[in-house]
Protein backbone atom coordinates (compact mmCIF):
# COMPACT_ATOMS: atom_id res chain seq x y z
CA MET A 1 0.00 0.00 0.00
CA GLU A 2 1.43 3.34 -1.07
CA VAL A 3 2.16 5.82 1.69
CA LYS A 4 3.31 9.33 0.90
CA ASP A 5 3.12 12.92 2.01
CA ARG A 6 2.36 15.66 -0.43
CA GLU A 7 1.93 19.36 0.06
CA ASP A 8 -1.63 20.60 0.34
CA LYS A 9 -3.20 23.93 1.20
CA ASP A 10 -4.78 24.12 4.65
CA ILE A 11 -8.50 23.45 4.59
CA ARG A 12 -10.10 26.85 5.22
CA GLN A 13 -13.78 26.13 5.82
CA PRO A 14 -14.85 23.55 8.41
CA ASP A 15 -15.95 20.21 7.00
CA LEU A 16 -19.17 18.76 8.43
CA LYS A 17 -17.44 16.77 11.17
CA SER A 18 -15.60 19.92 12.32
CA MET A 19 -18.80 21.96 12.65
CA ASN A 20 -20.42 22.76 15.97
CA MET A 21 -24.15 22.25 16.39
CA GLU A 22 -25.13 25.76 15.29
CA GLU A 23 -22.97 25.63 12.17
CA LEU A 24 -24.32 22.20 11.31
CA ARG A 25 -27.91 23.38 11.77
CA ASN A 26 -27.30 26.28 9.40
CA TRP A 27 -25.78 23.93 6.83
CA VAL A 28 -28.68 21.47 7.10
CA ILE A 29 -31.26 24.23 6.61
CA GLY A 30 -29.26 25.55 3.66
CA ALA A 31 -29.35 22.06 2.18
CA GLY A 32 -33.16 22.17 2.27
CA GLN A 33 -33.54 19.77 5.21
CA PRO A 34 -35.39 20.22 8.54
CA ALA A 35 -33.24 21.57 11.37
CA PHE A 36 -33.60 18.43 13.52
CA ARG A 37 -31.36 16.57 11.07
CA ALA A 38 -28.41 18.53 12.47
CA LYS A 39 -28.69 16.82 15.86
CA GLN A 40 -28.91 13.42 14.17
CA ILE A 41 -25.78 14.09 12.14
CA TYR A 42 -23.93 15.48 15.16
CA GLN A 43 -24.73 12.39 17.21
CA TRP A 44 -23.65 10.10 14.39
CA PHE A 45 -20.27 11.84 14.32
CA HIS A 46 -19.56 12.42 18.01
CA VAL A 47 -21.64 9.87 19.96
CA LYS A 48 -21.91 6.88 17.62
CA LEU A 49 -18.49 7.71 16.11
CA ALA A 50 -19.55 7.07 12.53
CA ASP A 51 -16.77 7.17 9.95
CA GLY A 52 -19.03 8.08 7.01
CA THR A 53 -22.55 8.56 5.77
CA GLU A 54 -23.09 4.91 4.87
CA GLU A 55 -23.60 4.23 8.58
CA MET A 56 -26.20 7.01 8.97
CA THR A 57 -29.19 4.86 8.06
CA ASN A 58 -31.87 7.20 9.49
CA LEU A 59 -30.89 10.04 7.13
CA PRO A 60 -32.41 10.39 3.66
CA LYS A 61 -30.17 9.34 0.78
CA SER A 62 -30.34 12.82 -0.79
CA LEU A 63 -28.93 14.38 2.40
CA ARG A 64 -26.15 11.80 2.68
CA GLU A 65 -25.14 12.50 -0.92
CA LYS A 66 -24.94 16.23 -0.18
CA MET A 67 -22.87 15.50 2.92
CA ASP A 68 -20.39 13.43 0.92
CA GLU A 69 -20.17 16.14 -1.70
CA TYR A 70 -19.52 18.87 0.90
CA GLY A 71 -16.82 16.95 2.75
CA ILE A 72 -16.22 14.79 5.82
CA TYR A 73 -12.60 14.48 6.88
CA GLY A 74 -11.61 11.45 8.92
CA VAL A 75 -8.76 8.95 9.01
CA SER A 76 -8.20 5.38 7.83
CA VAL A 77 -5.75 2.90 9.32
CA VAL A 78 -2.62 2.07 7.32
CA THR A 79 -0.59 0.34 10.05
CA ARG A 80 -1.16 -0.75 13.63
CA LEU A 81 1.78 -1.86 15.79
CA ILE A 82 1.36 -3.35 19.26
CA SER A 83 4.25 -3.37 21.73
CA GLU A 84 5.07 -6.77 23.18
CA ASP A 85 6.71 -4.98 26.11
CA ASP A 86 3.83 -2.91 27.48
CA GLY A 87 0.81 -3.14 25.15
CA THR A 88 1.28 0.33 23.67
CA ASN A 89 -0.45 0.66 20.28
CA LYS A 90 0.91 2.85 17.53
CA PHE A 91 -1.25 3.76 14.54
CA LEU A 92 -0.35 5.18 11.15
CA PHE A 93 -3.42 6.87 9.70
CA ARG A 94 -4.05 8.09 6.16
CA LEU A 95 -5.94 11.34 5.57
CA HIS A 96 -8.33 12.10 2.72
CA ASP A 97 -5.56 13.75 0.65
CA GLY A 98 -3.03 10.90 0.98
CA ASN A 99 -0.94 12.44 3.76
CA VAL A 100 -0.16 10.23 6.76
CA ILE A 101 -0.07 10.94 10.49
CA GLU A 102 0.41 8.85 13.60
CA SER A 103 -1.22 8.37 17.00
CA VAL A 104 -0.34 6.34 20.08
CA LEU A 105 -2.57 4.50 22.56
CA MET A 106 -0.99 4.08 26.01
CA LYS A 107 -2.61 1.91 28.64
CA TYR A 108 -2.40 2.90 32.30
CA LYS A 109 -4.11 1.72 35.46
CA HIS A 110 -6.15 4.94 35.53
CA GLY A 111 -7.39 4.48 31.95
CA ASN A 112 -6.47 4.66 28.28
CA SER A 113 -4.58 7.69 27.05
CA VAL A 114 -4.26 8.62 23.38
CA CYS A 115 -1.53 10.88 22.04
CA ILE A 116 -2.67 12.55 18.82
CA SER A 117 -1.05 14.59 16.06
CA SER A 118 -2.13 18.15 15.30
CA GLN A 119 -0.24 18.73 12.04
CA VAL A 120 1.19 16.79 9.11
CA GLY A 121 4.86 17.33 9.88
CA CYS A 122 6.16 20.27 11.92
CA ARG A 123 8.07 23.47 11.21
CA MET A 124 9.54 24.04 14.67
CA GLY A 125 12.85 22.32 13.93
CA CYS A 126 13.63 20.80 17.33
CA ARG A 127 16.83 18.84 16.70
CA PHE A 128 15.99 15.77 18.80
CA CYS A 129 12.52 15.18 17.33
CA ALA A 130 11.63 13.00 14.32
CA SER A 131 8.37 14.92 13.72
CA THR A 132 10.11 17.95 12.30
CA ILE A 133 12.25 16.12 9.73
CA GLY A 134 10.89 17.22 6.37
CA GLY A 135 9.12 20.28 7.76
CA LEU A 136 5.42 21.15 7.83
CA VAL A 137 3.02 19.93 5.13
CA ARG A 138 -0.27 21.27 6.53
CA ASN A 139 -2.44 21.72 9.60
CA LEU A 140 -4.99 19.10 10.64
CA THR A 141 -8.67 19.96 10.85
CA ALA A 142 -10.61 19.51 14.09
CA SER A 143 -12.30 16.47 12.54
CA GLU A 144 -8.95 14.85 11.70
CA MET A 145 -7.82 15.27 15.30
CA LEU A 146 -11.10 13.90 16.67
CA SER A 147 -11.03 10.99 14.23
CA GLN A 148 -7.75 9.74 15.65
CA ILE A 149 -9.44 9.31 19.04
CA TYR A 150 -12.70 7.96 17.65
CA SER A 151 -10.97 5.43 15.39
CA ILE A 152 -8.75 4.10 18.17
CA GLN A 153 -11.76 3.69 20.46
CA LYS A 154 -13.69 1.84 17.76
CA ILE A 155 -10.74 -0.40 16.87
CA THR A 156 -9.91 -1.37 20.46
CA GLY A 157 -13.46 -1.34 21.84
CA GLU A 158 -12.16 0.54 24.89
CA ARG A 159 -13.09 4.05 26.05
CA VAL A 160 -10.41 6.71 25.68
CA SER A 161 -10.31 8.59 28.97
CA ASN A 162 -7.34 10.93 28.47
CA VAL A 163 -6.02 12.80 25.44
CA VAL A 164 -2.57 14.28 24.94
CA VAL A 165 -2.03 16.63 22.00
CA MET A 166 1.66 15.88 21.86
CA GLY A 167 2.18 13.85 18.68
CA THR A 168 3.43 15.16 15.35
CA GLY A 169 3.16 18.93 15.06
CA GLU A 170 3.04 22.01 17.28
CA PRO A 171 -0.57 22.39 18.51
CA LEU A 172 -0.33 26.14 19.10
CA ASP A 173 0.90 26.59 15.52
CA ASN A 174 -2.54 25.26 14.53
CA PHE A 175 -4.35 27.25 17.20
CA ASP A 176 -7.81 27.80 15.70
CA ASN A 177 -8.30 24.18 14.66
CA VAL A 178 -7.02 22.90 18.02
CA LEU A 179 -9.40 25.20 19.87
CA ARG A 180 -12.31 23.96 17.74
CA PHE A 181 -11.20 20.37 18.42
CA LEU A 182 -11.22 21.00 22.18
CA GLN A 183 -14.68 22.54 22.07
CA LEU A 184 -16.09 19.57 20.13
CA LEU A 185 -14.32 16.97 22.26
CA SER A 186 -15.72 18.46 25.47
CA ASP A 187 -19.26 19.16 24.20
CA PRO A 188 -21.68 17.30 26.53
CA ASN A 189 -23.93 16.70 23.50
CA GLY A 190 -21.07 14.83 21.83
CA TYR A 191 -18.10 12.89 23.14
CA GLY A 192 -18.25 14.81 26.41
CA MET A 193 -14.67 14.53 27.66
CA SER A 194 -13.75 16.90 30.47
CA LEU A 195 -10.84 19.09 29.43
CA ARG A 196 -9.24 18.31 32.78
CA HIS A 197 -8.37 15.02 31.09
CA VAL A 198 -6.67 16.78 28.17
CA THR A 199 -3.06 17.94 27.91
CA VAL A 200 -1.86 20.30 25.18
CA SER A 201 1.87 20.46 24.56
CA THR A 202 3.86 23.35 23.13
CA CYS A 203 7.50 24.08 22.44
CA GLY A 204 6.86 27.65 23.58
CA VAL A 205 4.74 29.76 21.20
CA VAL A 206 4.32 32.55 23.75
CA PRO A 207 1.53 34.66 22.15
CA LYS A 208 -0.66 31.56 21.80
CA ILE A 209 0.03 30.44 25.38
CA LEU A 210 -1.35 33.79 26.53
CA GLU A 211 -4.32 33.46 24.17
CA LEU A 212 -5.01 29.93 25.41
CA ALA A 213 -5.17 31.23 28.98
CA GLU A 214 -8.05 33.59 28.22
CA PRO A 215 -10.97 31.10 27.91
CA ARG A 216 -9.81 29.23 31.08
CA LEU A 217 -10.54 25.85 29.57
CA GLY A 218 -9.25 23.79 32.48
CA LEU A 219 -6.83 21.72 30.42
CA THR A 220 -3.22 20.99 31.35
CA LEU A 221 -0.56 22.99 29.53
CA SER A 222 2.68 21.12 28.92
CA VAL A 223 5.73 23.15 27.87
CA SER A 224 8.76 21.54 26.25
CA LEU A 225 11.71 23.23 27.94
CA HIS A 226 14.61 20.77 27.54
CA CYS A 227 17.36 23.19 28.58
CA PRO A 228 17.79 25.70 31.44
CA ASN A 229 19.72 28.37 29.49
CA ASP A 230 19.06 30.31 26.31
CA ALA A 231 22.25 29.35 24.48
CA GLY A 232 21.72 25.64 24.95
CA ARG A 233 17.96 25.77 24.28
CA SER A 234 18.38 27.85 21.11
CA ALA A 235 20.85 25.26 19.82
CA ILE A 236 18.30 22.43 20.03
CA MET A 237 15.02 24.39 19.83
CA PRO A 238 14.96 27.28 17.29
CA ILE A 239 11.73 28.65 18.84
CA ASN A 240 13.86 29.94 21.72
CA ARG A 241 15.41 32.57 19.45
CA SER A 242 11.98 34.18 19.14
CA TYR A 243 10.79 33.56 22.71
CA PRO A 244 13.70 33.21 25.18
CA ILE A 245 13.25 31.29 28.42
CA ASP A 246 12.45 34.30 30.63
CA VAL A 247 9.71 35.41 28.23
CA LEU A 248 8.35 31.87 28.05
CA LEU A 249 8.31 31.41 31.82
CA ASP A 250 6.55 34.77 32.29
CA ALA A 251 3.82 33.51 29.93
CA CYS A 252 3.58 30.26 31.93
CA GLN A 253 3.16 32.22 35.15
CA THR A 254 0.39 34.26 33.51
CA TYR A 255 -1.26 31.03 32.36
CA PHE A 256 -1.21 29.70 35.93
CA GLU A 257 -2.57 32.93 37.40
CA LYS A 258 -5.46 33.09 34.91
CA THR A 259 -6.43 29.41 34.91
CA GLY A 260 -5.28 28.10 38.30
CA ARG A 261 -3.77 25.14 36.42
CA ARG A 262 -0.18 24.18 37.20
CA VAL A 263 2.07 24.04 34.13
CA THR A 264 4.02 20.86 33.40
CA PHE A 265 7.50 21.26 31.95
CA GLU A 266 8.77 18.50 29.70
CA TYR A 267 12.51 17.91 29.87
CA ALA A 268 14.07 15.28 27.59
CA VAL A 269 17.28 14.32 29.34
CA MET A 270 20.03 13.92 26.74
CA ASP A 271 23.50 12.81 27.75
CA GLN A 272 26.23 15.37 27.06
CA VAL A 273 23.60 17.95 26.08
CA ASN A 274 21.47 18.96 29.08
CA SER A 275 21.94 16.24 31.70
CA ALA A 276 24.68 17.53 34.02
CA GLU A 277 24.01 18.27 37.70
CA GLN A 278 24.59 21.96 37.05
CA ASP A 279 21.87 21.81 34.41
CA ALA A 280 19.44 20.41 36.98
CA ALA A 281 20.45 23.09 39.50
CA ALA A 282 20.01 25.83 36.89
CA LEU A 283 16.60 24.43 35.91
CA ALA A 284 15.48 24.41 39.54
CA GLU A 285 16.54 28.04 39.90
CA ARG A 286 14.57 28.99 36.77
CA LEU A 287 11.39 27.26 37.96
CA LYS A 288 11.47 28.39 41.57
CA GLY A 289 8.14 29.94 42.57
CA LEU A 290 6.32 28.89 39.39
CA HIS A 291 4.09 26.13 40.86
CA ALA A 292 5.71 23.93 38.24
CA HIS A 293 6.06 20.20 37.81
CA VAL A 294 8.83 18.66 35.71
CA ASN A 295 8.27 15.57 33.61
CA LEU A 296 11.65 14.01 32.83
CA ILE A 297 11.79 12.04 29.58
CA PRO A 298 14.34 9.33 28.81
CA ILE A 299 14.60 10.12 25.11
CA ASN A 300 13.51 7.50 22.57
CA PRO A 301 16.37 6.98 20.07
CA VAL A 302 15.71 8.43 16.61
CA LYS A 303 17.73 6.98 13.74
CA GLU A 304 18.34 10.37 12.11
CA ARG A 305 19.40 12.00 15.40
CA ASN A 306 22.35 11.25 17.65
CA PHE A 307 20.78 11.70 21.08
CA HIS A 308 20.59 9.11 23.86
CA THR A 309 19.95 8.80 27.60
CA LEU A 310 21.25 6.53 30.35
CA LYS A 311 18.70 5.56 33.01
CA LYS A 312 21.06 6.48 35.84
CA THR A 313 21.45 9.97 34.38
CA VAL A 314 17.70 10.59 34.50
CA LEU A 315 17.47 9.28 38.08
CA GLN A 316 20.29 11.56 39.21
CA PHE A 317 18.68 14.53 37.46
CA GLN A 318 15.42 13.85 39.29
CA LYS A 319 17.18 13.65 42.68
CA THR A 320 18.90 16.97 42.08
CA LEU A 321 15.64 18.73 41.17
CA GLU A 322 13.88 17.34 44.23
CA ARG A 323 16.76 18.40 46.44
CA TYR A 324 16.08 21.95 45.25
CA GLY A 325 12.36 21.60 45.95
CA ILE A 326 11.13 21.07 42.37
CA PRO A 327 8.70 18.12 42.03
CA ALA A 328 9.76 15.83 39.19
CA THR A 329 8.60 12.52 37.77
CA ILE A 330 10.18 10.26 35.17
CA ARG A 331 7.93 9.39 32.28
CA ARG A 332 7.61 5.67 31.61
CA THR A 333 9.31 4.75 28.36
CA LEU A 334 6.54 3.08 26.38
CA GLY A 335 6.60 1.36 23.02
CA SER A 336 10.36 1.45 22.40
CA ASP A 337 10.15 -1.85 20.50
CA ILE A 338 7.66 -0.30 18.02
CA GLU A 339 9.43 3.07 17.65
CA ALA A 340 6.77 5.03 19.52
CA ALA A 341 8.70 8.31 19.56
CA CYS A 342 6.81 11.08 17.74
CA GLY A 343 7.20 10.97 13.99
CA GLN A 344 9.20 7.76 13.63
CA LEU A 345 6.52 5.52 12.13
CA ARG A 346 5.43 8.20 9.67
CA ARG A 347 9.05 8.91 8.75
CA ASP A 348 9.78 5.22 8.12
CA ALA A 349 6.66 4.85 5.96
CA ILE A 350 7.62 7.81 3.78
CA GLN A 351 11.20 6.57 3.37
CA GLN A 352 10.03 3.08 2.38
CA THR A 353 8.00 4.64 -0.40
């Protein structure tokens, strides 16, 4: 089966699955149908998790034909890998235009968590990440983000209880579509997930962090920091040249003050890059007084990148942070045997083609 990425313009108008109830009602009326059809369609998409109109048997054929003509953007499975180590599932999905994205299902005692992509590719250029190799192709629509969750739930038969927008792409670089996705995901008339069970990750797009704070959505903001000083962070994360660490941390403090939600800082510990004891001490000094939590990540090896982590290094880094009063946890390394790091499966599929 052919798998490729090709450039495509971002989809400007919302497809039917990306519409909220009011927009869908207006579309239905414009299509010459009674308004109550909008609720039926909405429930097919977001309650019954229908992939297409062929499942919508209580709708007239003429309406379903108009729906197909207008556009419904979902995903279809290309590859599913299951880790023999921990049961992690990794999915490669194809979009309607032939582009491919990936998602990961992680199983925990507290429930199933799905990590979804928000873009095809990424333009942020973080040196340790496979997602950014090849740059950005296009943004995902709200429906394409939702469909990753819906498809995984249908395939596994298990409820998804937590969502992490931390896969391929920078969510805040696709701000409007991500915001629409969050509104649809949390709509009590639809899937109805509390946004307290949602985490949105960013490499530090400061203006959008401040904008995200305004509606006080209740979600968890996760910021990829990965280095305690500007010189080192700029070397591995180009975004830092636009928004240095002090500016970023000021935005995080504003986010906490407006939302009451503690910010999580992601820190991928990389030997001989950012893993020394003085790095941990400097990080603790930076985060002092921020009501912050640090999530330490033993980095998944990426073939195109020369970064690695020793377990003892991560443990020592954690001890140093805690000695300085900064709470820190070490993220479980899941799915290493199926290359579950962001962007690897998609990258391999493109290269094989």
